[in-house]
Amino acid sequence: MIRFIFALVFIFNIGVTNAQNTVNNTLEKQDYEYFLDFFTSGNTQVHKEALKYIEDHWKESFEVMAVETMYFLRSPSTSLKLLNILQKKTKKYYPRDFDKWYEYIWSKQSSYPDAYYTFKAILHKAIDSRFDRYFLDREHQSTIRLDEVRWGGVKQDGIPPLRNPKMLNAKDATYLDDKDIVFGISINGDTRAYPKRILAWHEMFTDQVGNIPVAGVYCTLCGTVILYKTEKDGIRYQMGTSGFLYRSNKLMYDQKTQSLWNTLWGKPVIGPLVGKGIELEYLSVVTTTWGEWKKRHPKTTVLSLKTGHRRDYNEGVAYKDYFSTDELMFTVQEKDPRLKNKEEILAIRLPDKTEENIAISSNFLKKNHIYKGVINHNNFTVFTDQSGAHRAYFTKEIEFTSYDKTSSAQDSNGETWELDENQIKNIKSGKTLQRLPTHNAFWFGYHAAFPDVKLIK
């Protein structure tokens, strides 16, 4: 998620005041309102009284509200006074290193009260009038820690999703070079490519692919593109980009209920859809090169540059600085040093069948073009082609001994199998083995979402 720092200046006093008036129906002033005083009033005496109240009545639950207040405060002097109180009470000295403050808060059990939902709603409604619905009156409709939900720097759909985007035939996509990275999908014979150079500016597309309603969600921060079926139990969810993050992973929202959804889990995590047993089915996405994809799929379609938006869609422009280092834009609760933060892994899980979860280093798979593993007592084999793209199949008792790093493999009986996007087929017998849904991700982001994941490297 591109972090537009300049958006911070839009925390208008009147915006917070109006938002606060919509929920403040009591005469007794609550703790969180003293933090909001810095935004609702320009009176320095009010600010002094708020600082005194905060210091005199300090409790652990004030920590996260103090940090978030400082994050948005435009007054350096007031911010410094609040920081001094925070450091004095916690005996931690991180100045304005917000990542360090969050890491400190997350290292302990959560201590915030239900009123923190109201505070968060009011504070962020001043940025976008739709933001308060994510949090207001939802303290009993949440499965995640609210203090781990951070604003990513944009408004709702401020990074605009591509809705039913225009597609081109492969021969007409002259803007692409063979080495450009694309995310490939195939559903019911409808085969498409979404160039990274375009999708990184939009982070989501929604469409009908193979007559199936889907959303392709790209969390640029955690390096993940996941393709979800957006219809579940007869209900079609219209998904968008919320503007918020959880553990550096973008949170989606659905338009009807404004519930927040975890992108890697495919589940609602805050809002009225929580607890309804909803989990979207995900499908395979292949990260490969345009040259390799169109060679395999000459009839593929591919995103047009005519997206309806003006962006610099040249290869490598979007997130150039972020992708060029191992540094994070937003910290996470815990990092696992077994791999570098942004080292790619292949994610293998069967959420409807087992809690087992496997992450395989992409570098490991590039050195082992045939890899056999087991999940939920099912054998699978991952084939990694010459572009570094991974495809996994349920292979039962069959042992594969060679692979041409394109689309043909041989088993231990010397029989040849052809790989496609949905299955692997025995040329002689016609027997088929089904594809196992997978996607790539950065190690740090995937581990943050699934701390108990099994890593193979």
Protein backbone atom coordinates (compact mmCIF):
# COMPACT_ATOMS: atom_id res chain seq x y z
CA MET A 1 0.00 0.00 0.00
CA ILE A 2 1.49 3.32 -1.08
CA ARG A 3 1.74 5.55 1.94
CA PHE A 4 0.68 9.09 1.08
CA ILE A 5 2.14 10.93 4.06
CA PHE A 6 0.63 14.21 2.94
CA ALA A 7 -2.79 12.79 3.77
CA LEU A 8 -2.00 13.33 7.45
CA VAL A 9 -2.65 17.04 7.12
CA PHE A 10 -6.32 16.36 6.53
CA ILE A 11 -6.97 15.64 10.19
CA PHE A 12 -9.10 18.78 10.43
CA ASN A 13 -10.29 19.93 13.84
CA ILE A 14 -13.83 20.22 12.55
CA GLY A 15 -13.69 16.75 11.02
CA VAL A 16 -12.88 15.11 14.32
CA THR A 17 -15.35 17.33 16.15
CA ASN A 18 -18.24 16.34 13.88
CA ALA A 19 -17.30 12.69 14.09
CA GLN A 20 -17.16 12.87 17.87
CA ASN A 21 -20.56 14.51 18.08
CA THR A 22 -22.14 11.57 16.27
CA VAL A 23 -21.22 9.14 19.05
CA ASN A 24 -20.92 11.25 22.20
CA ASN A 25 -24.32 10.82 23.78
CA THR A 26 -23.20 10.95 27.42
CA LEU A 27 -22.53 13.91 29.67
CA GLU A 28 -19.60 12.29 31.45
CA LYS A 29 -16.36 12.74 29.58
CA GLN A 30 -14.58 9.51 28.78
CA ASP A 31 -10.84 8.85 28.79
CA TYR A 32 -10.47 8.69 25.01
CA GLU A 33 -12.05 12.14 24.63
CA TYR A 34 -9.07 13.75 26.34
CA PHE A 35 -6.87 12.44 23.54
CA LEU A 36 -9.32 13.77 20.96
CA ASP A 37 -9.21 17.21 22.63
CA PHE A 38 -5.95 17.85 20.78
CA PHE A 39 -7.90 17.72 17.53
CA THR A 40 -11.31 19.06 18.53
CA SER A 41 -10.04 22.24 20.16
CA GLY A 42 -7.45 24.82 19.23
CA ASN A 43 -7.47 26.18 22.78
CA THR A 44 -4.09 25.67 24.45
CA GLN A 45 -5.73 25.63 27.87
CA VAL A 46 -7.86 22.67 26.81
CA HIS A 47 -4.69 20.93 25.64
CA LYS A 48 -2.99 21.59 28.99
CA GLU A 49 -5.97 20.15 30.85
CA ALA A 50 -5.99 17.10 28.59
CA LEU A 51 -2.29 16.50 29.16
CA LYS A 52 -2.76 16.85 32.92
CA TYR A 53 -5.69 14.44 32.94
CA ILE A 54 -3.77 11.90 30.87
CA GLU A 55 -0.74 12.10 33.16
CA ASP A 56 -2.73 12.04 36.41
CA HIS A 57 -5.04 9.21 35.34
CA TRP A 58 -2.52 7.20 33.34
CA LYS A 59 -3.28 3.55 32.72
CA GLU A 60 -1.83 0.95 30.40
CA SER A 61 -4.74 1.29 27.98
CA PHE A 62 -3.62 4.87 27.28
CA GLU A 63 -0.47 3.68 25.54
CA VAL A 64 -1.91 2.91 22.11
CA MET A 65 -4.14 6.01 22.13
CA ALA A 66 -1.12 8.16 22.96
CA VAL A 67 0.87 6.63 20.11
CA GLU A 68 -1.93 7.07 17.59
CA THR A 69 -2.59 10.61 18.78
CA MET A 70 1.07 11.55 18.32
CA TYR A 71 1.04 9.98 14.87
CA PHE A 72 -1.58 12.47 13.67
CA LEU A 73 -0.79 15.54 15.78
CA ARG A 74 0.36 18.58 13.79
CA SER A 75 1.60 20.50 16.83
CA PRO A 76 5.25 19.54 17.53
CA SER A 77 5.17 21.06 21.02
CA THR A 78 1.99 19.25 22.09
CA SER A 79 3.22 16.03 20.55
CA LEU A 80 6.48 16.34 22.49
CA LYS A 81 4.63 16.88 25.77
CA LEU A 82 2.51 13.79 25.14
CA LEU A 83 5.62 11.83 24.19
CA ASN A 84 7.30 12.84 27.45
CA ILE A 85 4.33 11.50 29.42
CA LEU A 86 4.36 8.27 27.43
CA GLN A 87 8.08 7.75 27.99
CA LYS A 88 7.85 8.61 31.67
CA LYS A 89 4.98 6.20 32.30
CA THR A 90 6.33 3.30 30.24
CA LYS A 91 10.02 3.86 30.93
CA LYS A 92 10.56 3.26 27.21
CA TYR A 93 12.41 5.81 25.11
CA TYR A 94 11.69 5.46 21.42
CA PRO A 95 11.08 9.19 20.55
CA ARG A 96 8.90 9.24 17.42
CA ASP A 97 9.85 5.76 16.24
CA PHE A 98 6.27 4.52 15.86
CA ASP A 99 7.28 1.03 14.79
CA LYS A 100 9.18 0.62 18.07
CA TRP A 101 6.19 1.85 20.07
CA TYR A 102 3.88 -0.59 18.31
CA GLU A 103 6.31 -3.46 18.81
CA TYR A 104 6.41 -2.64 22.52
CA ILE A 105 2.60 -2.56 22.76
CA TRP A 106 2.21 -5.79 20.79
CA SER A 107 4.76 -7.59 22.98
CA LYS A 108 2.17 -7.61 25.77
CA GLN A 109 -1.40 -8.76 26.16
CA SER A 110 -3.82 -6.22 24.74
CA SER A 111 -5.06 -3.74 27.34
CA TYR A 112 -7.32 -1.40 25.40
CA PRO A 113 -10.96 -0.98 26.51
CA ASP A 114 -14.06 -1.25 24.31
CA ALA A 115 -14.00 2.55 24.01
CA TYR A 116 -10.84 2.21 21.91
CA TYR A 117 -13.10 1.21 19.00
CA THR A 118 -14.92 4.52 19.37
CA PHE A 119 -11.65 6.44 19.61
CA LYS A 120 -10.34 4.77 16.47
CA ALA A 121 -13.59 5.43 14.60
CA ILE A 122 -13.65 9.13 15.47
CA LEU A 123 -9.96 9.70 14.83
CA HIS A 124 -9.98 8.12 11.38
CA LYS A 125 -13.35 9.44 10.26
CA ALA A 126 -11.64 12.80 9.87
CA ILE A 127 -9.58 11.23 7.07
CA ASP A 128 -12.47 9.47 5.34
CA SER A 129 -16.11 9.71 6.43
CA ARG A 130 -16.51 5.99 5.69
CA PHE A 131 -13.78 4.87 8.08
CA ASP A 132 -15.84 5.07 11.26
CA ARG A 133 -18.08 2.22 10.09
CA TYR A 134 -15.12 -0.15 10.25
CA PHE A 135 -14.82 0.27 14.02
CA LEU A 136 -17.83 1.99 15.61
CA ASP A 137 -19.90 -0.36 17.82
CA ARG A 138 -17.88 -3.35 16.62
CA GLU A 139 -16.00 -4.11 19.81
CA HIS A 140 -17.82 -7.46 20.04
CA GLN A 141 -17.44 -8.23 16.34
CA SER A 142 -13.71 -8.74 16.07
CA THR A 143 -11.32 -11.68 15.92
CA ILE A 144 -8.08 -9.69 15.80
CA ARG A 145 -6.32 -7.16 18.03
CA LEU A 146 -7.51 -3.70 17.10
CA ASP A 147 -4.21 -2.12 18.08
CA GLU A 148 -2.60 -4.13 15.26
CA VAL A 149 -4.85 -2.43 12.70
CA ARG A 150 -2.99 0.55 11.24
CA TRP A 151 -3.97 3.12 8.68
CA GLY A 152 -2.03 2.56 5.45
CA GLY A 153 -2.05 6.17 4.26
CA VAL A 154 -4.97 6.23 1.80
CA LYS A 155 -8.74 6.56 1.83
CA GLN A 156 -11.18 3.76 1.07
CA ASP A 157 -10.31 2.56 -2.45
CA GLY A 158 -7.76 5.38 -2.56
CA ILE A 159 -5.69 2.82 -4.43
CA PRO A 160 -8.41 2.19 -7.02
CA PRO A 161 -9.31 -1.44 -7.77
CA LEU A 162 -9.78 -2.39 -11.41
CA ARG A 163 -13.43 -3.31 -11.93
CA ASN A 164 -14.04 -5.51 -14.99
CA PRO A 165 -10.88 -4.19 -16.62
CA LYS A 166 -10.30 -4.15 -20.36
CA MET A 167 -8.31 -7.15 -21.61
CA LEU A 168 -6.23 -7.58 -24.78
CA ASN A 169 -5.28 -10.54 -26.93
CA ALA A 170 -1.65 -11.55 -26.44
CA LYS A 171 -0.61 -10.32 -29.89
CA ASP A 172 -1.99 -6.86 -29.14
CA ALA A 173 -0.10 -6.44 -25.85
CA THR A 174 2.87 -4.79 -27.53
CA TYR A 175 3.64 -2.77 -24.41
CA LEU A 176 4.93 -5.88 -22.62
CA ASP A 177 8.44 -7.32 -22.79
CA ASP A 178 9.00 -11.05 -22.43
CA LYS A 179 10.84 -10.54 -19.12
CA ASP A 180 8.02 -8.52 -17.50
CA ILE A 181 6.48 -10.20 -14.46
CA VAL A 182 2.84 -11.29 -14.75
CA PHE A 183 0.38 -13.06 -12.48
CA GLY A 184 -1.33 -15.81 -14.45
CA ILE A 185 -4.72 -17.42 -13.79
CA SER A 186 -6.94 -19.88 -15.62
CA ILE A 187 -10.56 -20.68 -14.75
CA ASN A 188 -12.79 -22.91 -16.88
CA GLY A 189 -10.60 -22.31 -19.91
CA ASP A 190 -10.52 -18.53 -19.43
CA THR A 191 -6.80 -17.80 -19.19
CA ARG A 192 -5.52 -14.34 -18.27
CA ALA A 193 -2.36 -12.47 -17.30
CA TYR A 194 -2.16 -9.46 -14.98
CA PRO A 195 1.17 -7.63 -15.29
CA LYS A 196 2.77 -6.66 -12.01
CA ARG A 197 3.62 -3.25 -13.47
CA ILE A 198 -0.13 -2.45 -13.70
CA LEU A 199 -1.57 -4.39 -10.78
CA ALA A 200 0.90 -2.89 -8.30
CA TRP A 201 -0.80 0.50 -8.82
CA HIS A 202 -4.28 -0.92 -8.13
CA GLU A 203 -3.76 -3.86 -5.75
CA MET A 204 -7.06 -5.47 -6.71
CA PHE A 205 -9.20 -6.45 -9.66
CA THR A 206 -12.75 -7.74 -9.63
CA ASP A 207 -14.24 -9.54 -12.62
CA GLN A 208 -16.00 -12.60 -14.01
CA VAL A 209 -13.39 -15.11 -15.15
CA GLY A 210 -14.65 -18.34 -16.66
CA ASN A 211 -18.12 -17.24 -15.52
CA ILE A 212 -16.90 -17.20 -11.91
CA PRO A 213 -16.98 -13.91 -9.94
CA VAL A 214 -13.51 -13.34 -8.53
CA ALA A 215 -11.30 -10.79 -6.84
CA GLY A 216 -7.57 -10.82 -7.38
CA VAL A 217 -6.00 -9.16 -4.35
CA TYR A 218 -2.42 -7.90 -4.49
CA CYS A 219 -0.88 -6.92 -1.16
CA THR A 220 2.24 -5.19 -2.43
CA LEU A 221 3.65 -4.86 1.07
CA CYS A 222 3.63 -8.61 1.71
CA GLY A 223 4.21 -9.65 -1.91
CA THR A 224 1.03 -11.69 -2.23
CA VAL A 225 -1.46 -12.05 -5.05
CA ILE A 226 -4.43 -14.23 -4.09
CA LEU A 227 -7.38 -15.04 -6.32
CA TYR A 228 -10.66 -15.47 -4.42
CA LYS A 229 -14.07 -16.65 -5.54
CA THR A 230 -16.26 -13.84 -4.24
CA GLU A 231 -19.49 -15.84 -4.12
CA LYS A 232 -20.05 -17.94 -1.03
CA ASP A 233 -23.24 -19.81 -0.12
CA GLY A 234 -25.20 -17.88 -2.73
CA ILE A 235 -23.99 -14.45 -1.57
CA ARG A 236 -21.73 -12.39 -3.81
CA TYR A 237 -19.38 -10.07 -1.94
CA GLN A 238 -18.27 -6.83 -3.57
CA MET A 239 -14.76 -6.34 -2.28
CA GLY A 240 -12.60 -3.23 -2.09
CA THR A 241 -9.45 -1.83 -0.48
CA SER A 242 -10.13 -0.58 3.05
CA GLY A 243 -7.11 1.69 3.49
CA PHE A 244 -6.02 -0.24 6.60
CA LEU A 245 -3.43 -2.90 7.34
CA TYR A 246 -3.15 -5.79 9.75
CA ARG A 247 0.39 -7.03 10.32
CA SER A 248 1.49 -5.18 7.16
CA ASN A 249 -1.15 -7.07 5.17
CA LYS A 250 -3.87 -5.10 3.45
CA LEU A 251 -7.39 -5.46 4.80
CA MET A 252 -10.22 -5.75 2.29
CA TYR A 253 -13.78 -4.63 2.97
CA ASP A 254 -17.11 -5.68 1.54
CA GLN A 255 -19.34 -2.90 0.28
CA LYS A 256 -22.60 -4.02 1.90
CA THR A 257 -21.56 -4.41 5.54
CA GLN A 258 -18.20 -2.55 5.55
CA SER A 259 -16.72 -5.51 7.40
CA LEU A 260 -12.94 -5.75 7.27
CA TRP A 261 -11.46 -8.93 5.78
CA ASN A 262 -8.01 -10.42 6.22
CA THR A 263 -6.50 -10.82 2.76
CA LEU A 264 -4.40 -13.90 3.53
CA TRP A 265 -7.14 -15.66 5.49
CA GLY A 266 -10.04 -14.80 3.18
CA LYS A 267 -12.17 -14.20 6.27
CA PRO A 268 -13.99 -11.20 7.81
CA VAL A 269 -12.16 -10.14 10.98
CA ILE A 270 -14.02 -7.01 12.12
CA GLY A 271 -17.70 -6.30 11.56
CA PRO A 272 -21.11 -8.00 11.40
CA LEU A 273 -19.87 -10.85 9.18
CA VAL A 274 -17.54 -12.10 11.92
CA GLY A 275 -18.63 -15.42 13.38
CA LYS A 276 -20.75 -16.39 10.36
CA GLY A 277 -18.37 -19.12 9.22
CA ILE A 278 -17.48 -17.24 6.04
CA GLU A 279 -14.23 -18.11 4.30
CA LEU A 280 -13.71 -17.42 0.61
CA GLU A 281 -12.30 -20.17 -1.60
CA TYR A 282 -8.98 -19.29 -3.17
CA LEU A 283 -7.57 -20.41 -6.50
CA SER A 284 -4.06 -20.71 -7.91
CA VAL A 285 -2.03 -17.75 -9.12
CA VAL A 286 1.22 -18.30 -11.01
CA THR A 287 3.97 -15.68 -10.79
CA THR A 288 5.95 -15.94 -14.01
CA THR A 289 7.24 -13.93 -16.99
CA TRP A 290 5.12 -12.68 -19.85
CA GLY A 291 7.27 -14.58 -22.35
CA GLU A 292 6.83 -17.90 -20.52
CA TRP A 293 3.11 -17.38 -19.93
CA LYS A 294 2.19 -16.51 -23.53
CA LYS A 295 4.34 -19.41 -24.81
CA ARG A 296 2.29 -21.79 -22.69
CA HIS A 297 -0.98 -19.98 -23.39
CA PRO A 298 -0.91 -18.29 -26.81
CA LYS A 299 -4.64 -17.55 -26.52
CA THR A 300 -4.31 -15.81 -23.17
CA THR A 301 -5.69 -12.34 -22.64
CA VAL A 302 -3.82 -9.69 -20.72
CA LEU A 303 -4.61 -6.40 -19.01
CA SER A 304 -4.81 -3.36 -21.24
CA LEU A 305 -2.99 -0.15 -20.38
CA LYS A 306 -6.36 1.57 -20.77
CA THR A 307 -7.38 1.20 -17.14
CA GLY A 308 -9.23 4.49 -16.83
CA HIS A 309 -6.45 5.81 -14.59
CA ARG A 310 -3.28 7.75 -15.27
CA ARG A 311 -0.22 5.99 -13.85
CA ASP A 312 3.33 5.30 -14.90
CA TYR A 313 2.87 1.65 -15.84
CA ASN A 314 6.47 1.04 -16.86
CA GLU A 315 8.09 -2.11 -15.49
CA GLY A 316 9.58 -1.68 -12.02
CA VAL A 317 8.23 1.80 -11.32
CA ALA A 318 5.59 1.06 -8.66
CA TYR A 319 7.15 0.36 -5.25
CA LYS A 320 10.63 0.52 -6.71
CA ASP A 321 12.23 1.66 -3.44
CA TYR A 322 10.24 -0.79 -1.30
CA PHE A 323 11.04 -3.81 -3.46
CA SER A 324 14.74 -2.90 -3.69
CA THR A 325 15.49 -3.41 0.01
CA ASP A 326 14.60 -5.84 2.80
CA GLU A 327 13.22 -3.03 4.97
CA LEU A 328 9.54 -2.95 5.93
CA MET A 329 7.21 0.01 5.53
CA PHE A 330 5.07 -1.12 8.47
CA THR A 331 6.48 -3.34 11.18
CA VAL A 332 4.96 -6.65 12.29
CA GLN A 333 4.65 -8.23 15.69
CA GLU A 334 7.40 -10.79 15.17
CA LYS A 335 9.96 -11.41 12.44
CA ASP A 336 11.40 -14.84 11.72
CA PRO A 337 15.09 -14.66 10.69
CA ARG A 338 15.15 -18.07 9.01
CA LEU A 339 14.58 -16.21 5.74
CA LYS A 340 15.00 -12.58 4.77
CA ASN A 341 11.85 -10.49 5.23
CA LYS A 342 11.01 -10.25 1.54
CA GLU A 343 12.30 -13.61 0.40
CA GLU A 344 9.55 -15.30 -1.58
CA ILE A 345 7.85 -18.47 -0.45
CA LEU A 346 5.22 -20.72 -2.01
CA ALA A 347 2.21 -21.03 0.30
CA ILE A 348 0.50 -24.40 0.52
CA ARG A 349 -2.57 -24.86 2.68
CA LEU A 350 -5.99 -26.50 2.62
CA PRO A 351 -8.03 -24.27 4.96
CA ASP A 352 -11.27 -26.22 4.49
CA LYS A 353 -9.58 -29.50 5.48
CA THR A 354 -6.69 -28.90 7.87
CA GLU A 355 -4.83 -26.36 9.99
CA GLU A 356 -1.58 -27.56 8.44
CA ASN A 357 0.27 -24.82 6.64
CA ILE A 358 3.46 -25.09 4.61
CA ALA A 359 5.74 -22.38 3.24
CA ILE A 360 8.46 -23.47 0.81
CA SER A 361 11.30 -21.12 -0.08
CA SER A 362 11.13 -20.17 -3.74
CA ASN A 363 14.93 -20.26 -3.90
CA PHE A 364 14.85 -23.82 -2.58
CA LEU A 365 12.30 -24.81 -5.23
CA LYS A 366 14.36 -23.22 -8.01
CA LYS A 367 17.20 -25.56 -7.02
CA ASN A 368 14.82 -28.51 -6.69
CA HIS A 369 12.61 -28.35 -9.76
CA ILE A 370 10.66 -31.40 -8.56
CA TYR A 371 9.72 -31.35 -4.89
CA LYS A 372 7.46 -33.89 -3.22
CA GLY A 373 5.69 -33.11 0.03
CA VAL A 374 2.72 -34.11 2.17
CA ILE A 375 -0.17 -32.07 3.55
CA ASN A 376 -3.15 -33.53 5.41
CA HIS A 377 -1.89 -37.04 4.47
CA ASN A 378 -2.04 -36.11 0.77
CA ASN A 379 1.08 -36.33 -1.38
CA PHE A 380 1.76 -33.34 -3.59
CA THR A 381 4.50 -32.44 -6.05
CA VAL A 382 5.69 -28.95 -6.90
CA PHE A 383 7.16 -28.35 -10.35
CA THR A 384 9.23 -25.18 -10.84
CA ASP A 385 9.78 -24.09 -14.42
CA GLN A 386 12.63 -22.14 -16.02
CA SER A 387 10.99 -18.79 -15.20
CA GLY A 388 10.85 -19.71 -11.50
CA ALA A 389 7.07 -20.27 -11.56
CA HIS A 390 5.68 -22.95 -9.25
CA ARG A 391 2.77 -25.32 -9.90
CA ALA A 392 1.68 -27.96 -7.39
CA TYR A 393 -0.49 -31.04 -7.94
CA PHE A 394 -1.95 -33.79 -5.78
CA THR A 395 0.17 -36.69 -7.05
CA LYS A 396 -0.91 -39.57 -4.80
CA GLU A 397 1.56 -42.50 -5.03
CA ILE A 398 3.19 -41.38 -8.28
CA GLU A 399 6.90 -40.55 -8.21
CA PHE A 400 8.18 -38.07 -10.77
CA THR A 401 11.79 -38.45 -11.80
CA SER A 402 12.35 -35.76 -14.43
CA TYR A 403 10.88 -32.46 -15.60
CA ASP A 404 11.80 -30.43 -18.68
CA LYS A 405 11.22 -27.16 -16.75
CA THR A 406 8.40 -26.25 -19.11
CA SER A 407 5.32 -28.45 -19.34
CA SER A 408 6.38 -32.11 -19.51
CA ALA A 409 7.38 -34.54 -16.74
CA GLN A 410 8.16 -38.24 -16.50
CA ASP A 411 7.28 -40.63 -13.69
CA SER A 412 9.25 -43.61 -12.33
CA ASN A 413 7.54 -45.91 -14.88
CA GLY A 414 8.84 -43.81 -17.74
CA GLU A 415 5.40 -42.43 -18.60
CA THR A 416 5.03 -38.83 -19.73
CA TRP A 417 2.71 -36.31 -18.13
CA GLU A 418 1.69 -32.88 -19.43
CA LEU A 419 1.19 -30.00 -17.00
CA ASP A 420 -1.49 -27.39 -17.41
CA GLU A 421 -3.03 -24.82 -15.08
CA ASN A 422 -5.71 -27.11 -13.64
CA GLN A 423 -4.26 -30.62 -13.80
CA ILE A 424 -1.39 -32.86 -14.84
CA LYS A 425 -2.32 -35.49 -17.42
CA ASN A 426 -0.79 -38.87 -18.29
CA ILE A 427 -0.34 -38.82 -22.07
CA LYS A 428 -0.67 -42.61 -22.42
CA SER A 429 -3.54 -43.45 -20.07
CA GLY A 430 -5.35 -40.12 -19.94
CA LYS A 431 -5.29 -40.20 -16.15
CA THR A 432 -5.37 -36.77 -14.55
CA LEU A 433 -4.24 -35.39 -11.20
CA GLN A 434 -5.70 -32.16 -9.87
CA ARG A 435 -3.94 -28.88 -9.18
CA LEU A 436 -3.33 -27.77 -5.60
CA PRO A 437 -4.15 -24.06 -5.13
CA THR A 438 -1.03 -22.05 -4.26
CA HIS A 439 0.31 -18.53 -4.34
CA ASN A 440 3.57 -16.72 -3.62
CA ALA A 441 4.21 -14.36 -0.70
CA PHE A 442 6.99 -12.55 1.11
CA TRP A 443 8.17 -14.61 4.07
CA PHE A 444 7.69 -11.90 6.70
CA GLY A 445 4.06 -11.23 5.73
CA TYR A 446 3.07 -14.85 5.49
CA HIS A 447 4.70 -15.72 8.80
CA ALA A 448 2.94 -12.73 10.42
CA ALA A 449 -0.41 -14.11 9.27
CA PHE A 450 0.43 -17.75 10.08
CA PRO A 451 3.01 -17.84 12.92
CA ASP A 452 2.85 -21.65 13.17
CA VAL A 453 3.60 -22.25 9.49
CA LYS A 454 6.05 -25.03 8.65
CA LEU A 455 8.98 -23.66 6.64
CA ILE A 456 10.92 -25.73 4.09
CA LYS A 457 14.12 -24.13 2.85
